[in-house]
Amino acid sequence: MKKGIHPEMKLVTVKCASCGAEHTFWTTRENIKIDVCSNCHPFYQGKGAGAVIVDTEGRIEKFRKKFGESYLKA
């Protein structure tokens, strides 16, 4: 590897916005934000797709208000 061309690596502790778990890893960035981590993501918990729904912006409720339950009766 050539010297002087690679960015400096930093050890950063990041807090998950969903569950509050803290993760430490090496990165070239100063500030990192994560919404879902391996502690709260349904695939990492073995629950499969759709078991835990993280809806921080109200998109699911907006969809249900617009279409009601009629989208299930196809």
N, C-alpha and C. Protein backbone atom coordinates (compact mmCIF):
# COMPACT_ATOMS: atom_id res chain seq x y z
N MET A 1 0.83 -1.18 0.00
CA MET A 1 0.00 0.00 0.00
C MET A 1 0.88 1.24 0.00
N LYS A 2 0.45 2.23 -0.73
CA LYS A 2 1.18 3.49 -0.76
C LYS A 2 0.90 4.27 0.51
N LYS A 3 1.91 4.97 1.00
CA LYS A 3 1.76 5.78 2.20
C LYS A 3 1.24 7.16 1.85
N GLY A 4 0.38 7.70 2.74
CA GLY A 4 -0.11 9.06 2.58
C GLY A 4 -1.35 9.22 1.71
N ILE A 5 -1.90 8.14 1.15
CA ILE A 5 -3.08 8.28 0.30
C ILE A 5 -4.35 7.75 0.96
N HIS A 6 -4.19 7.02 2.06
CA HIS A 6 -5.35 6.42 2.71
C HIS A 6 -5.86 7.31 3.84
N PRO A 7 -7.19 7.39 4.03
CA PRO A 7 -7.73 8.22 5.11
C PRO A 7 -7.42 7.61 6.48
N GLU A 8 -7.42 8.44 7.49
CA GLU A 8 -7.12 7.99 8.84
C GLU A 8 -8.32 7.24 9.42
N MET A 9 -8.07 6.08 9.99
CA MET A 9 -9.12 5.28 10.60
C MET A 9 -9.29 5.69 12.06
N LYS A 10 -10.56 5.74 12.50
CA LYS A 10 -10.88 6.14 13.87
C LYS A 10 -11.79 5.09 14.50
N LEU A 11 -11.62 4.85 15.79
CA LEU A 11 -12.50 3.97 16.54
C LEU A 11 -13.68 4.80 17.03
N VAL A 12 -14.90 4.47 16.55
CA VAL A 12 -16.09 5.28 16.82
C VAL A 12 -17.14 4.42 17.53
N THR A 13 -17.81 4.98 18.53
CA THR A 13 -18.94 4.32 19.20
C THR A 13 -20.22 4.96 18.69
N VAL A 14 -21.13 4.11 18.16
CA VAL A 14 -22.37 4.58 17.56
C VAL A 14 -23.53 4.02 18.36
N LYS A 15 -24.56 4.85 18.61
CA LYS A 15 -25.74 4.42 19.34
C LYS A 15 -26.91 4.24 18.37
N CYS A 16 -27.60 3.10 18.47
CA CYS A 16 -28.75 2.80 17.62
C CYS A 16 -29.93 3.67 18.03
N ALA A 17 -30.63 4.25 17.04
CA ALA A 17 -31.78 5.11 17.33
C ALA A 17 -33.00 4.30 17.78
N SER A 18 -33.11 3.04 17.36
CA SER A 18 -34.29 2.24 17.70
C SER A 18 -34.22 1.61 19.09
N CYS A 19 -33.10 0.94 19.39
CA CYS A 19 -33.05 0.20 20.64
C CYS A 19 -32.07 0.78 21.66
N GLY A 20 -31.20 1.69 21.24
CA GLY A 20 -30.27 2.32 22.16
C GLY A 20 -28.97 1.56 22.38
N ALA A 21 -28.78 0.45 21.66
CA ALA A 21 -27.55 -0.33 21.80
C ALA A 21 -26.37 0.44 21.23
N GLU A 22 -25.21 0.26 21.84
CA GLU A 22 -24.01 0.94 21.37
C GLU A 22 -23.09 -0.06 20.69
N HIS A 23 -22.54 0.34 19.55
CA HIS A 23 -21.63 -0.49 18.77
C HIS A 23 -20.35 0.29 18.53
N THR A 24 -19.21 -0.37 18.64
CA THR A 24 -17.92 0.26 18.42
C THR A 24 -17.27 -0.39 17.21
N PHE A 25 -16.81 0.44 16.27
CA PHE A 25 -16.13 -0.09 15.10
C PHE A 25 -15.21 0.96 14.50
N TRP A 26 -14.35 0.51 13.61
CA TRP A 26 -13.39 1.39 12.93
C TRP A 26 -14.02 1.99 11.69
N THR A 27 -13.80 3.28 11.48
CA THR A 27 -14.34 3.97 10.32
C THR A 27 -13.49 5.18 9.99
N THR A 28 -13.71 5.75 8.82
CA THR A 28 -13.02 6.98 8.44
C THR A 28 -13.87 8.21 8.71
N ARG A 29 -15.11 8.02 9.13
CA ARG A 29 -16.02 9.14 9.38
C ARG A 29 -16.05 9.49 10.87
N GLU A 30 -16.42 10.73 11.16
CA GLU A 30 -16.50 11.20 12.54
C GLU A 30 -17.85 10.86 13.17
N ASN A 31 -18.94 11.21 12.49
CA ASN A 31 -20.29 11.03 13.03
C ASN A 31 -21.07 10.07 12.15
N ILE A 32 -21.63 9.05 12.79
CA ILE A 32 -22.44 8.06 12.07
C ILE A 32 -23.73 7.88 12.84
N LYS A 33 -24.86 7.85 12.13
CA LYS A 33 -26.17 7.61 12.74
C LYS A 33 -26.75 6.33 12.13
N ILE A 34 -27.28 5.45 12.97
CA ILE A 34 -27.93 4.24 12.47
C ILE A 34 -29.34 4.17 13.03
N ASP A 35 -30.28 3.73 12.20
CA ASP A 35 -31.68 3.61 12.61
C ASP A 35 -31.99 2.23 13.17
N VAL A 36 -31.40 1.19 12.57
CA VAL A 36 -31.66 -0.18 12.98
C VAL A 36 -30.31 -0.90 13.03
N CYS A 37 -30.10 -1.66 14.10
CA CYS A 37 -28.84 -2.39 14.24
C CYS A 37 -29.12 -3.89 14.32
N SER A 38 -28.07 -4.68 14.55
CA SER A 38 -28.22 -6.13 14.61
C SER A 38 -29.00 -6.59 15.84
N ASN A 39 -29.10 -5.74 16.86
CA ASN A 39 -29.88 -6.12 18.06
C ASN A 39 -31.38 -5.98 17.86
N CYS A 40 -31.82 -5.07 17.00
CA CYS A 40 -33.26 -4.83 16.85
C CYS A 40 -33.79 -5.17 15.45
N HIS A 41 -32.94 -5.57 14.51
CA HIS A 41 -33.41 -5.93 13.16
C HIS A 41 -34.01 -7.34 13.20
N PRO A 42 -35.18 -7.55 12.60
CA PRO A 42 -35.86 -8.85 12.70
C PRO A 42 -35.08 -10.01 12.09
N PHE A 43 -34.30 -9.79 11.05
CA PHE A 43 -33.54 -10.88 10.46
C PHE A 43 -32.43 -11.37 11.38
N TYR A 44 -31.82 -10.47 12.13
CA TYR A 44 -30.78 -10.87 13.07
C TYR A 44 -31.36 -11.52 14.31
N GLN A 45 -32.63 -11.26 14.61
CA GLN A 45 -33.28 -11.86 15.77
C GLN A 45 -33.92 -13.20 15.43
N GLY A 46 -33.91 -13.59 14.17
CA GLY A 46 -34.47 -14.87 13.76
C GLY A 46 -35.98 -14.85 13.63
N LYS A 47 -36.57 -13.68 13.49
CA LYS A 47 -38.02 -13.58 13.40
C LYS A 47 -38.51 -13.50 11.96
N GLY A 48 -37.62 -13.32 11.01
CA GLY A 48 -38.01 -13.27 9.60
C GLY A 48 -38.52 -11.91 9.19
N ALA A 49 -38.94 -11.83 7.95
CA ALA A 49 -39.39 -10.57 7.37
C ALA A 49 -40.72 -10.13 7.95
N GLY A 50 -40.82 -8.88 8.29
CA GLY A 50 -42.09 -8.30 8.72
C GLY A 50 -42.48 -8.59 10.15
N ALA A 51 -41.66 -9.27 10.91
CA ALA A 51 -42.03 -9.59 12.29
C ALA A 51 -42.02 -8.34 13.16
N VAL A 52 -41.04 -7.49 12.96
CA VAL A 52 -40.94 -6.25 13.70
C VAL A 52 -40.94 -5.12 12.69
N ILE A 53 -41.89 -4.21 12.81
CA ILE A 53 -41.99 -3.11 11.86
C ILE A 53 -41.52 -1.83 12.54
N VAL A 54 -40.52 -1.20 11.95
CA VAL A 54 -40.02 0.08 12.46
C VAL A 54 -40.55 1.15 11.52
N ASP A 55 -41.50 1.93 12.00
CA ASP A 55 -42.12 2.97 11.18
C ASP A 55 -41.98 4.29 11.90
N THR A 56 -40.88 4.99 11.65
CA THR A 56 -40.62 6.24 12.36
C THR A 56 -41.30 7.43 11.72
N GLU A 57 -41.74 7.31 10.49
CA GLU A 57 -42.33 8.46 9.78
C GLU A 57 -43.83 8.33 9.57
N GLY A 58 -44.46 7.29 10.10
CA GLY A 58 -45.90 7.14 9.99
C GLY A 58 -46.39 6.72 8.62
N ARG A 59 -45.56 6.09 7.83
CA ARG A 59 -45.94 5.70 6.46
C ARG A 59 -47.01 4.62 6.45
N ILE A 60 -46.94 3.70 7.41
CA ILE A 60 -47.93 2.62 7.44
C ILE A 60 -49.30 3.17 7.80
N GLU A 61 -49.36 4.03 8.78
CA GLU A 61 -50.64 4.63 9.19
C GLU A 61 -51.22 5.49 8.06
N LYS A 62 -50.37 6.21 7.35
CA LYS A 62 -50.82 7.02 6.22
C LYS A 62 -51.42 6.13 5.13
N PHE A 63 -50.77 4.99 4.86
CA PHE A 63 -51.27 4.05 3.86
C PHE A 63 -52.62 3.48 4.30
N ARG A 64 -52.76 3.12 5.57
CA ARG A 64 -54.01 2.55 6.07
C ARG A 64 -55.15 3.57 6.05
N LYS A 65 -54.86 4.84 6.31
CA LYS A 65 -55.89 5.87 6.23
C LYS A 65 -56.35 6.07 4.79
N LYS A 66 -55.42 5.98 3.85
CA LYS A 66 -55.74 6.21 2.45
C LYS A 66 -56.54 5.05 1.85
N PHE A 67 -56.12 3.80 2.14
CA PHE A 67 -56.73 2.65 1.49
C PHE A 67 -57.60 1.81 2.43
N GLY A 68 -57.49 2.01 3.72
CA GLY A 68 -58.28 1.22 4.68
C GLY A 68 -57.89 -0.24 4.62
N GLU A 69 -58.82 -1.11 4.84
CA GLU A 69 -58.57 -2.54 4.79
C GLU A 69 -58.91 -3.14 3.42
N SER A 70 -59.30 -2.28 2.47
CA SER A 70 -59.70 -2.79 1.16
C SER A 70 -58.56 -3.41 0.38
N TYR A 71 -57.32 -3.03 0.65
CA TYR A 71 -56.18 -3.60 -0.06
C TYR A 71 -55.96 -5.06 0.30
N LEU A 72 -56.52 -5.53 1.41
CA LEU A 72 -56.38 -6.93 1.82
C LEU A 72 -57.41 -7.83 1.15
N LYS A 73 -58.48 -7.26 0.57
CA LYS A 73 -59.59 -8.05 0.01
C LYS A 73 -59.45 -8.25 -1.49
N ALA A 74 -58.26 -8.39 -1.97
CA ALA A 74 -58.03 -8.52 -3.43
C ALA A 74 -58.42 -9.85 -3.96
